[in-house]
Amino acid sequence: MGEHIIKLPDVGEGVAEAELVEWHVKVGDLVREDAVLAAVMTDKATVEIPSPVDGEILWLGAEIGDTVAIGSPIVRLKVAGEGNVKPQSGAADGGKVEKPVEAEAPVKLSSPKPEAASATAKPSPKAAEVPAKPALSPAAAKSTAQVSGAPRSEGEKPLASPAVRLRAKEAGIDLRQVAGSGPAGRISHEDIEAFLARGPQVAKSPGLARNDTVDDIKIIGLRRKIAEKMTLSKSRIPHITYVEEIDVIALEDLRAALNKEKRADRPKLTLLPFLMRAMVKAIAAQPNLNALFDDETGIVHQHGGVHIGIAAQTPSGLVVPVVKHAEARDIWDCGAELNRLAEAAKTGTATRDELSGSTITITSLGAMGGVATTPVINHPEVAIVGVNKMMVRPVWDGTQFIPRKMMNLSSSFDHRVVDGWDAAVFVQRIKALLETPALIFVD
């Protein structure tokens, strides 16, 4: 028998390290060649690490959440044959010093499967036996319950003087919850004082109880990337948020008509393709909003291509797939690409290229969008457009209130490079296009 060391392979894209986000095995597991051992993340792409050989897991070289350098040992296997760990002589006690050598065949990377769940092994059934504690006598059990402040049994009347009972009633205390220090568990004024000082240990209602547990949850994987991105955005970008309401009755009527008459080769249209085309038209008049600000050099990179990121919630967390060159797509093409990217993001199959390169972003929570939001800019962009939920509101038409379907746009801008006036002009242009949607189709 020999040993085989698996090192973290080069996951591509020029990265020097990756974060370990999942183990699929534990020490003692038997694995087959190509079985998935672990998953690592770089940027927002998750890559699975398969085993190049059959063997038994002897050692795991990192914990979930650790950042591991490319080429670092991560798994040690016991394998048939010599393996790739060669013994060397030279130990002082005549033992062996093992030196890893490069594997003959590199580890092959595999793309994660959306349906694959964590294969964390179950704990070994051979658990240490704990001797049972001797049973307490009824008197001792009663004494223990009273000392701990546990409730007395149903129907058991606590011993206390009338003055103590009055004091407890005025304080809203259930005497069954108070441990008595006197003979036979009699409750005194001092016991009431002690109970009040430490606070109720159990709820006054039988169905309620205090929960003082604290769970420590390590932030790893995509959630850590999101935290880092949000911290960067909020620490570097002075946000200005502008909220405007949009009358979407005409837009919704047009959308319904187009969907009713759509061809089989065209996607069902949502609001977002209309908003994307409206943004393209507004950016044509204000190209400075379709830009990335390099705050290290003080240079604004103004882009000709409109690459719209769509913030999307997935089972793993928030990702931003990008519709590239929206300026060259009609409304149906925008809708089709949006649907394709949303599905790829949801199933975890979106590529690094599909999740990067945006120049301006849309964020939408759909029906959960609220009345108004304060979107966080996707650094290093300078603008983000937030979609709030549609609702019927009373609108004054000059003579009376009439019901109209309304929606707010909540948009944030980098105030270092975008003035409030320019932000307002941009949003008002989008408002005009959405309220008169036929203009979206006019070149």
Protein backbone atom coordinates (compact mmCIF):
# COMPACT_ATOMS: atom_id res chain seq x y z
CA MET A 1 0.00 0.00 0.00
CA GLY A 2 1.13 3.54 -0.68
CA GLU A 3 -0.04 7.12 -0.20
CA HIS A 4 -1.19 9.68 -2.74
CA ILE A 5 -1.28 13.44 -2.13
CA ILE A 6 -3.77 15.57 -4.05
CA LYS A 7 -2.87 19.24 -4.40
CA LEU A 8 -5.20 22.08 -5.22
CA PRO A 9 -4.93 22.26 -9.02
CA ASP A 10 -4.77 25.39 -11.12
CA VAL A 11 -8.44 26.33 -11.48
CA GLY A 12 -7.63 28.70 -14.35
CA GLU A 13 -8.28 32.40 -14.92
CA GLY A 14 -4.88 33.31 -13.46
CA VAL A 15 -5.89 32.97 -9.82
CA ALA A 16 -3.32 32.09 -7.16
CA GLU A 17 -5.70 30.83 -4.49
CA ALA A 18 -9.25 29.61 -3.96
CA GLU A 19 -11.66 29.32 -1.05
CA LEU A 20 -12.71 25.86 0.12
CA VAL A 21 -16.50 25.96 0.32
CA GLU A 22 -17.48 22.31 0.67
CA TRP A 23 -16.09 18.89 1.60
CA HIS A 24 -17.81 15.87 0.07
CA VAL A 25 -15.74 13.38 2.09
CA LYS A 26 -14.32 12.82 5.57
CA VAL A 27 -11.32 10.96 6.96
CA GLY A 28 -11.85 7.21 6.65
CA ASP A 29 -14.08 7.37 3.56
CA LEU A 30 -13.34 5.11 0.60
CA VAL A 31 -13.50 6.98 -2.70
CA ARG A 32 -13.44 5.96 -6.32
CA GLU A 33 -11.59 7.63 -9.16
CA ASP A 34 -13.44 10.74 -10.36
CA ALA A 35 -15.50 10.92 -7.15
CA VAL A 36 -15.95 14.55 -6.07
CA LEU A 37 -13.82 15.34 -3.01
CA ALA A 38 -14.40 19.05 -2.49
CA ALA A 39 -15.63 22.28 -4.04
CA VAL A 40 -13.63 25.50 -4.20
CA MET A 41 -14.64 28.99 -5.23
CA THR A 42 -12.73 31.70 -7.01
CA ASP A 43 -14.51 34.99 -7.64
CA LYS A 44 -18.07 33.70 -8.24
CA ALA A 45 -17.23 30.48 -10.05
CA THR A 46 -17.41 27.22 -8.08
CA VAL A 47 -15.26 24.29 -9.21
CA GLU A 48 -15.40 20.69 -8.00
CA ILE A 49 -12.20 18.76 -7.26
CA PRO A 50 -12.42 15.05 -8.23
CA SER A 51 -10.15 12.23 -7.07
CA PRO A 52 -7.67 11.00 -9.69
CA VAL A 53 -7.38 7.57 -8.00
CA ASP A 54 -9.22 5.01 -5.86
CA GLY A 55 -8.28 5.11 -2.18
CA GLU A 56 -9.08 5.79 1.47
CA ILE A 57 -9.06 9.32 2.90
CA LEU A 58 -6.27 9.67 5.48
CA TRP A 59 -6.10 13.45 5.90
CA LEU A 60 -7.89 16.63 4.83
CA GLY A 61 -5.71 19.71 4.56
CA ALA A 62 -8.14 22.60 5.10
CA GLU A 63 -11.40 23.58 6.74
CA ILE A 64 -14.45 25.02 5.04
CA GLY A 65 -13.92 28.75 4.58
CA ASP A 66 -10.13 28.51 4.39
CA THR A 67 -8.27 30.15 1.51
CA VAL A 68 -5.92 27.63 -0.10
CA ALA A 69 -3.00 28.47 -2.41
CA ILE A 70 -2.78 26.72 -5.78
CA GLY A 71 -0.50 23.70 -5.43
CA SER A 72 -1.08 23.23 -1.70
CA PRO A 73 -1.82 19.66 -0.50
CA ILE A 74 -5.51 19.28 0.32
CA VAL A 75 -6.12 15.49 0.51
CA ARG A 76 -3.98 12.49 1.47
CA LEU A 77 -5.14 9.06 0.28
CA LYS A 78 -4.08 5.48 1.03
CA VAL A 79 -3.92 3.74 -2.33
CA ALA A 80 -2.95 0.38 -3.79
CA GLY A 81 0.63 0.38 -5.07
CA GLU A 82 3.26 3.00 -4.35
CA GLY A 83 1.18 6.14 -4.79
CA ASN A 84 2.95 9.43 -5.36
CA VAL A 85 4.57 9.84 -1.91
CA LYS A 86 8.09 8.40 -1.99
CA PRO A 87 9.88 7.44 1.27
CA GLN A 88 13.31 8.92 1.94
CA SER A 89 15.91 7.76 4.40
CA GLY A 90 17.55 10.13 6.83
CA ALA A 91 15.34 10.23 9.91
CA ALA A 92 17.30 10.24 13.13
CA ASP A 93 15.40 7.29 14.56
CA GLY A 94 15.78 5.19 11.45
CA GLY A 95 12.19 5.89 10.45
CA LYS A 96 10.94 7.22 7.16
CA VAL A 97 10.63 10.76 6.01
CA GLU A 98 7.99 11.10 3.33
CA LYS A 99 8.41 13.56 0.53
CA PRO A 100 5.53 14.23 -1.87
CA VAL A 101 6.30 14.15 -5.53
CA GLU A 102 4.23 15.40 -8.40
CA ALA A 103 1.39 13.14 -9.47
CA GLU A 104 1.88 11.49 -12.84
CA ALA A 105 -1.50 12.72 -14.05
CA PRO A 106 -2.93 16.13 -13.12
CA VAL A 107 -6.22 16.33 -11.27
CA LYS A 108 -9.07 16.98 -13.66
CA LEU A 109 -11.53 19.70 -12.71
CA SER A 110 -15.24 19.16 -13.15
CA SER A 111 -18.03 21.71 -13.32
CA PRO A 112 -20.47 21.58 -10.41
CA LYS A 113 -23.82 19.93 -11.06
CA PRO A 114 -26.79 22.00 -9.89
CA GLU A 115 -28.57 18.98 -8.42
CA ALA A 116 -25.52 17.71 -6.55
CA ALA A 117 -25.96 18.03 -2.81
CA SER A 118 -23.30 17.93 -0.15
CA ALA A 119 -22.21 14.36 0.40
CA THR A 120 -20.94 14.87 3.90
CA ALA A 121 -20.55 11.43 5.40
CA LYS A 122 -22.50 10.32 8.44
CA PRO A 123 -20.64 9.97 11.72
CA SER A 124 -19.28 6.58 12.70
CA PRO A 125 -21.78 4.50 14.65
CA LYS A 126 -19.02 3.48 17.10
CA ALA A 127 -19.61 6.18 19.67
CA ALA A 128 -18.16 6.11 23.15
CA GLU A 129 -20.64 4.80 25.69
CA VAL A 130 -21.52 7.15 28.52
CA PRO A 131 -22.52 5.51 31.79
CA ALA A 132 -26.03 6.35 32.91
CA LYS A 133 -26.43 8.61 35.89
CA PRO A 134 -28.00 7.05 38.97
CA ALA A 135 -31.66 7.92 39.46
CA LEU A 136 -32.46 10.50 42.11
CA SER A 137 -34.87 9.84 44.94
CA PRO A 138 -38.23 11.66 44.67
CA ALA A 139 -37.22 14.05 47.46
CA ALA A 140 -33.86 14.80 45.85
CA ALA A 141 -35.49 15.31 42.44
CA LYS A 142 -37.96 17.76 43.94
CA SER A 143 -35.16 19.63 45.69
CA THR A 144 -33.11 19.79 42.47
CA ALA A 145 -36.08 21.13 40.50
CA GLN A 146 -36.69 23.85 43.05
CA VAL A 147 -33.05 24.91 43.22
CA SER A 148 -32.90 25.21 39.42
CA GLY A 149 -36.09 27.22 39.36
CA ALA A 150 -37.88 24.61 37.24
CA PRO A 151 -41.71 24.71 37.27
CA ARG A 152 -43.43 22.65 39.90
CA SER A 153 -45.63 19.82 38.74
CA GLU A 154 -49.20 20.56 37.72
CA GLY A 155 -51.42 21.03 40.78
CA GLU A 156 -48.54 21.36 43.27
CA LYS A 157 -49.12 24.34 45.51
CA PRO A 158 -46.00 26.35 46.38
CA LEU A 159 -45.49 27.09 50.08
CA ALA A 160 -45.49 30.80 50.89
CA SER A 161 -46.95 33.23 53.38
CA PRO A 162 -49.90 35.50 52.39
CA ALA A 163 -47.56 38.50 52.30
CA VAL A 164 -45.20 36.70 49.91
CA ARG A 165 -48.15 35.63 47.72
CA LEU A 166 -49.38 39.23 47.56
CA ARG A 167 -45.91 40.46 46.66
CA ALA A 168 -45.67 37.86 43.86
CA LYS A 169 -49.13 38.73 42.54
CA GLU A 170 -48.31 42.43 42.38
CA ALA A 171 -45.06 41.64 40.51
CA GLY A 172 -46.81 39.31 38.09
CA ILE A 173 -44.77 36.29 39.24
CA ASP A 174 -46.00 32.71 39.05
CA LEU A 175 -44.82 31.24 42.37
CA ARG A 176 -44.55 27.80 40.81
CA GLN A 177 -41.50 29.14 38.95
CA VAL A 178 -39.74 30.38 42.10
CA ALA A 179 -37.27 28.17 43.96
CA GLY A 180 -37.92 28.23 47.69
CA SER A 181 -34.99 28.25 50.10
CA GLY A 182 -36.97 27.63 53.27
CA PRO A 183 -38.02 24.35 54.91
CA ALA A 184 -39.94 22.06 52.53
CA GLY A 185 -39.25 24.58 49.76
CA ARG A 186 -41.10 27.48 51.43
CA ILE A 187 -40.74 30.71 49.42
CA SER A 188 -39.58 33.82 51.29
CA HIS A 189 -39.35 37.50 50.40
CA GLU A 190 -35.64 36.94 49.74
CA ASP A 191 -36.50 34.27 47.17
CA ILE A 192 -38.81 36.75 45.42
CA GLU A 193 -36.03 39.36 45.43
CA ALA A 194 -33.55 36.85 43.98
CA PHE A 195 -36.03 35.81 41.30
CA LEU A 196 -36.63 39.42 40.28
CA ALA A 197 -32.90 40.18 40.27
CA ARG A 198 -32.04 37.42 37.82
CA GLY A 199 -35.20 37.84 35.75
CA PRO A 200 -37.74 35.15 34.91
CA GLN A 201 -35.95 31.94 34.06
CA VAL A 202 -38.96 30.44 32.34
CA ALA A 203 -41.94 32.03 30.65
CA LYS A 204 -45.09 32.77 32.60
CA SER A 205 -47.13 30.98 29.93
CA PRO A 206 -46.60 27.19 29.78
CA GLY A 207 -46.16 27.32 25.98
CA LEU A 208 -43.37 29.94 26.01
CA ALA A 209 -39.74 29.64 27.04
CA ARG A 210 -36.62 31.75 26.80
CA ASN A 211 -34.02 30.79 24.22
CA ASP A 212 -30.51 32.00 25.05
CA THR A 213 -28.65 29.94 22.45
CA VAL A 214 -26.14 31.63 20.14
CA ASP A 215 -25.18 29.98 16.83
CA ASP A 216 -21.85 31.02 15.31
CA ILE A 217 -22.14 30.78 11.51
CA LYS A 218 -19.01 31.23 9.45
CA ILE A 219 -19.47 33.38 6.36
CA ILE A 220 -18.04 31.41 3.45
CA GLY A 221 -18.27 30.98 -0.30
CA LEU A 222 -20.61 33.20 -2.28
CA ARG A 223 -21.98 34.85 0.86
CA ARG A 224 -18.44 36.01 1.78
CA LYS A 225 -17.90 37.33 -1.76
CA ILE A 226 -21.17 39.26 -1.50
CA ALA A 227 -20.13 40.68 1.89
CA GLU A 228 -16.77 41.80 0.51
CA LYS A 229 -18.39 43.40 -2.55
CA MET A 230 -21.01 45.27 -0.50
CA THR A 231 -18.38 46.49 1.95
CA LEU A 232 -16.24 47.77 -0.92
CA SER A 233 -19.21 49.52 -2.55
CA LYS A 234 -20.48 51.22 0.59
CA SER A 235 -17.03 52.19 1.91
CA ARG A 236 -15.81 53.75 -1.34
CA ILE A 237 -18.91 55.09 -3.11
CA PRO A 238 -20.89 58.07 -1.74
CA HIS A 239 -24.40 57.07 -2.82
CA ILE A 240 -27.21 59.37 -3.85
CA THR A 241 -30.60 57.66 -4.27
CA TYR A 242 -33.38 59.12 -6.40
CA VAL A 243 -36.93 57.70 -6.26
CA GLU A 244 -39.56 58.41 -8.92
CA GLU A 245 -43.00 56.91 -9.52
CA ILE A 246 -43.99 55.55 -12.92
CA ASP A 247 -47.51 55.10 -14.30
CA VAL A 248 -47.25 51.66 -15.94
CA ILE A 249 -50.81 51.14 -17.20
CA ALA A 250 -49.88 51.79 -20.85
CA LEU A 251 -46.74 49.65 -20.53
CA GLU A 252 -48.67 46.75 -18.99
CA ASP A 253 -51.36 46.95 -21.68
CA LEU A 254 -48.70 46.88 -24.41
CA ARG A 255 -46.83 44.04 -22.75
CA ALA A 256 -50.01 41.96 -22.46
CA ALA A 257 -50.86 42.60 -26.13
CA LEU A 258 -47.36 41.63 -27.30
CA ASN A 259 -47.39 38.46 -25.24
CA LYS A 260 -50.82 37.52 -26.55
CA GLU A 261 -49.71 37.89 -30.17
CA LYS A 262 -46.12 36.70 -29.80
CA ARG A 263 -44.59 34.17 -32.16
CA ALA A 264 -43.50 30.76 -30.95
CA ASP A 265 -39.84 31.72 -31.34
CA ARG A 266 -40.17 34.76 -29.09
CA PRO A 267 -40.02 34.76 -25.27
CA LYS A 268 -42.76 35.94 -22.96
CA LEU A 269 -41.96 39.53 -22.09
CA THR A 270 -41.63 40.79 -18.53
CA LEU A 271 -41.12 44.41 -17.49
CA LEU A 272 -37.32 44.13 -17.53
CA PRO A 273 -36.74 44.00 -21.33
CA PHE A 274 -38.73 47.25 -21.67
CA LEU A 275 -36.67 48.83 -18.89
CA MET A 276 -33.43 47.64 -20.52
CA ARG A 277 -34.35 49.23 -23.85
CA ALA A 278 -35.42 52.44 -22.07
CA MET A 279 -32.06 52.55 -20.29
CA VAL A 280 -30.22 52.10 -23.60
CA LYS A 281 -32.04 55.12 -25.01
CA ALA A 282 -31.43 57.21 -21.88
CA ILE A 283 -27.73 56.27 -21.87
CA ALA A 284 -27.41 57.43 -25.50
CA ALA A 285 -28.08 60.96 -24.21
CA GLN A 286 -25.99 60.52 -21.02
CA PRO A 287 -23.14 58.13 -21.79
CA ASN A 288 -21.32 59.14 -18.58
CA LEU A 289 -23.76 56.91 -16.65
CA ASN A 290 -22.62 53.82 -18.54
CA ALA A 291 -19.19 53.84 -16.96
CA LEU A 292 -16.76 52.33 -14.48
CA PHE A 293 -14.91 54.61 -12.07
CA ASP A 294 -11.35 53.60 -11.20
CA ASP A 295 -11.05 55.45 -7.92
CA GLU A 296 -7.39 54.42 -7.54
CA THR A 297 -6.34 56.38 -10.63
CA GLY A 298 -9.23 58.88 -10.74
CA ILE A 299 -10.25 57.78 -14.26
CA VAL A 300 -13.81 57.17 -15.46
CA HIS A 301 -13.94 54.48 -18.16
CA GLN A 302 -16.96 55.41 -20.28
CA HIS A 303 -18.16 52.42 -22.32
CA GLY A 304 -19.88 52.46 -25.69
CA GLY A 305 -21.40 49.01 -25.23
CA VAL A 306 -24.26 48.84 -22.74
CA HIS A 307 -23.69 45.71 -20.66
CA ILE A 308 -26.58 45.48 -18.19
CA GLY A 309 -26.11 43.39 -15.05
CA ILE A 310 -29.30 41.89 -13.64
CA ALA A 311 -29.02 41.26 -9.90
CA ALA A 312 -30.59 37.83 -9.37
CA GLN A 313 -31.32 35.91 -6.18
CA THR A 314 -30.29 32.24 -6.35
CA PRO A 315 -30.32 29.41 -3.78
CA SER A 316 -26.63 30.19 -3.15
CA GLY A 317 -27.04 33.97 -2.84
CA LEU A 318 -26.99 37.10 -4.97
CA VAL A 319 -25.29 36.95 -8.38
CA VAL A 320 -25.28 39.40 -11.29
CA PRO A 321 -25.49 37.78 -14.75
CA VAL A 322 -24.82 40.29 -17.53
CA VAL A 323 -26.75 40.93 -20.75
CA LYS A 324 -23.93 42.02 -23.03
CA HIS A 325 -24.46 44.70 -25.71
CA ALA A 326 -28.06 45.53 -24.90
CA GLU A 327 -27.74 48.41 -27.36
CA ALA A 328 -27.60 45.86 -30.20
CA ARG A 329 -30.60 43.79 -29.04
CA ASP A 330 -34.28 44.35 -29.69
CA ILE A 331 -36.81 43.84 -26.92
CA TRP A 332 -37.37 40.13 -27.66
CA ASP A 333 -33.65 39.43 -27.87
CA CYS A 334 -33.20 41.16 -24.51
CA GLY A 335 -35.98 38.98 -23.07
CA ALA A 336 -34.52 35.75 -24.47
CA GLU A 337 -31.01 36.49 -23.20
CA LEU A 338 -32.39 37.52 -19.84
CA ASN A 339 -34.27 34.22 -19.51
CA ARG A 340 -31.20 32.19 -20.51
CA LEU A 341 -28.94 33.93 -18.02
CA ALA A 342 -31.51 33.72 -15.22
CA GLU A 343 -31.76 29.95 -15.70
CA ALA A 344 -27.97 29.57 -15.78
CA ALA A 345 -27.63 31.59 -12.57
CA LYS A 346 -30.39 29.63 -10.85
CA THR A 347 -28.85 26.25 -11.71
CA GLY A 348 -25.29 27.37 -10.96
CA THR A 349 -24.06 26.82 -14.52
CA ALA A 350 -23.36 30.47 -15.39
CA THR A 351 -19.77 31.03 -16.53
CA ARG A 352 -17.37 33.64 -15.20
CA ASP A 353 -17.80 35.64 -18.41
CA GLU A 354 -21.60 35.61 -17.98
CA LEU A 355 -21.23 36.91 -14.42
CA SER A 356 -18.82 39.77 -15.13
CA GLY A 357 -18.33 42.79 -17.37
CA SER A 358 -21.42 44.85 -16.49
CA THR A 359 -21.35 48.63 -16.96
CA ILE A 360 -24.70 49.41 -15.27
CA THR A 361 -27.03 47.23 -13.19
CA ILE A 362 -30.75 46.61 -12.64
CA THR A 363 -31.95 45.24 -9.31
CA SER A 364 -35.48 43.94 -8.88
CA LEU A 365 -37.22 42.00 -6.12
CA GLY A 366 -40.36 41.49 -8.20
CA ALA A 367 -43.55 41.36 -6.14
CA MET A 368 -41.41 41.69 -2.98
CA GLY A 369 -39.89 44.94 -4.22
CA GLY A 370 -41.46 47.19 -1.60
CA VAL A 371 -42.50 50.81 -2.05
CA ALA A 372 -38.96 52.18 -2.24
CA THR A 373 -35.41 50.86 -1.78
CA THR A 374 -31.87 52.24 -1.59
CA PRO A 375 -29.88 50.00 -3.99
CA VAL A 376 -26.16 49.52 -3.45
CA ILE A 377 -24.09 50.29 -6.56
CA ASN A 378 -22.23 47.37 -8.11
CA HIS A 379 -18.65 48.65 -7.70
CA PRO A 380 -16.96 50.04 -9.82
CA GLU A 381 -20.07 51.07 -11.76
CA VAL A 382 -21.56 54.52 -11.20
CA ALA A 383 -25.31 53.77 -11.40
CA ILE A 384 -27.89 51.14 -10.51
CA VAL A 385 -31.64 51.16 -11.31
CA GLY A 386 -33.95 49.53 -8.75
CA VAL A 387 -37.43 48.25 -9.64
CA ASN A 388 -40.11 48.31 -6.93
CA LYS A 389 -43.38 46.41 -6.96
CA MET A 390 -46.40 47.54 -8.96
CA MET A 391 -49.53 48.54 -7.04
CA VAL A 392 -52.80 50.31 -7.72
CA ARG A 393 -52.81 53.79 -6.19
CA PRO A 394 -55.29 56.69 -6.28
CA VAL A 395 -53.95 59.38 -8.64
CA TRP A 396 -55.38 62.91 -8.95
CA ASP A 397 -56.17 63.73 -12.58
CA GLY A 398 -57.14 67.37 -11.94
CA THR A 399 -60.79 66.76 -11.12
CA GLN A 400 -60.90 63.46 -9.24
CA PHE A 401 -58.87 60.56 -7.89
CA ILE A 402 -58.68 57.61 -10.26
CA PRO A 403 -57.05 54.18 -9.75
CA ARG A 404 -53.77 53.79 -11.65
CA LYS A 405 -51.20 51.01 -11.68
CA MET A 406 -48.02 52.62 -10.38
CA MET A 407 -44.44 51.52 -9.77
CA ASN A 408 -41.49 53.30 -8.20
CA LEU A 409 -37.97 53.30 -9.59
CA SER A 410 -35.33 53.64 -6.86
CA SER A 411 -31.97 54.42 -8.46
CA SER A 412 -28.58 55.08 -6.86
CA PHE A 413 -25.64 56.98 -8.33
CA ASP A 414 -21.98 57.57 -7.48
CA HIS A 415 -22.12 61.18 -6.33
CA ARG A 416 -18.40 61.65 -6.99
CA VAL A 417 -18.95 61.54 -10.76
CA VAL A 418 -22.74 61.92 -11.16
CA ASP A 419 -24.47 65.12 -10.05
CA GLY A 420 -27.99 65.05 -8.65
CA TRP A 421 -29.29 66.95 -11.67
CA ASP A 422 -27.84 64.40 -14.10
CA ALA A 423 -29.31 61.56 -12.03
CA ALA A 424 -32.76 63.19 -12.16
CA VAL A 425 -32.54 63.79 -15.92
CA PHE A 426 -31.62 60.13 -16.46
CA VAL A 427 -34.51 58.79 -14.38
CA GLN A 428 -37.01 61.24 -15.89
CA ARG A 429 -36.02 60.09 -19.39
CA ILE A 430 -36.64 56.46 -18.39
CA LYS A 431 -39.97 57.50 -16.85
CA ALA A 432 -41.08 59.20 -20.08
CA LEU A 433 -40.20 56.13 -22.16
CA LEU A 434 -41.97 53.68 -19.85
CA GLU A 435 -45.09 55.82 -19.56
CA THR A 436 -45.23 56.15 -23.37
CA PRO A 437 -43.82 52.74 -24.31
CA ALA A 438 -44.32 53.16 -28.05
CA LEU A 439 -41.32 55.53 -27.95
CA ILE A 440 -39.13 52.59 -26.97
CA PHE A 441 -39.62 51.15 -30.46
CA VAL A 442 -38.85 54.44 -32.26
CA ASP A 443 -35.24 54.73 -33.46
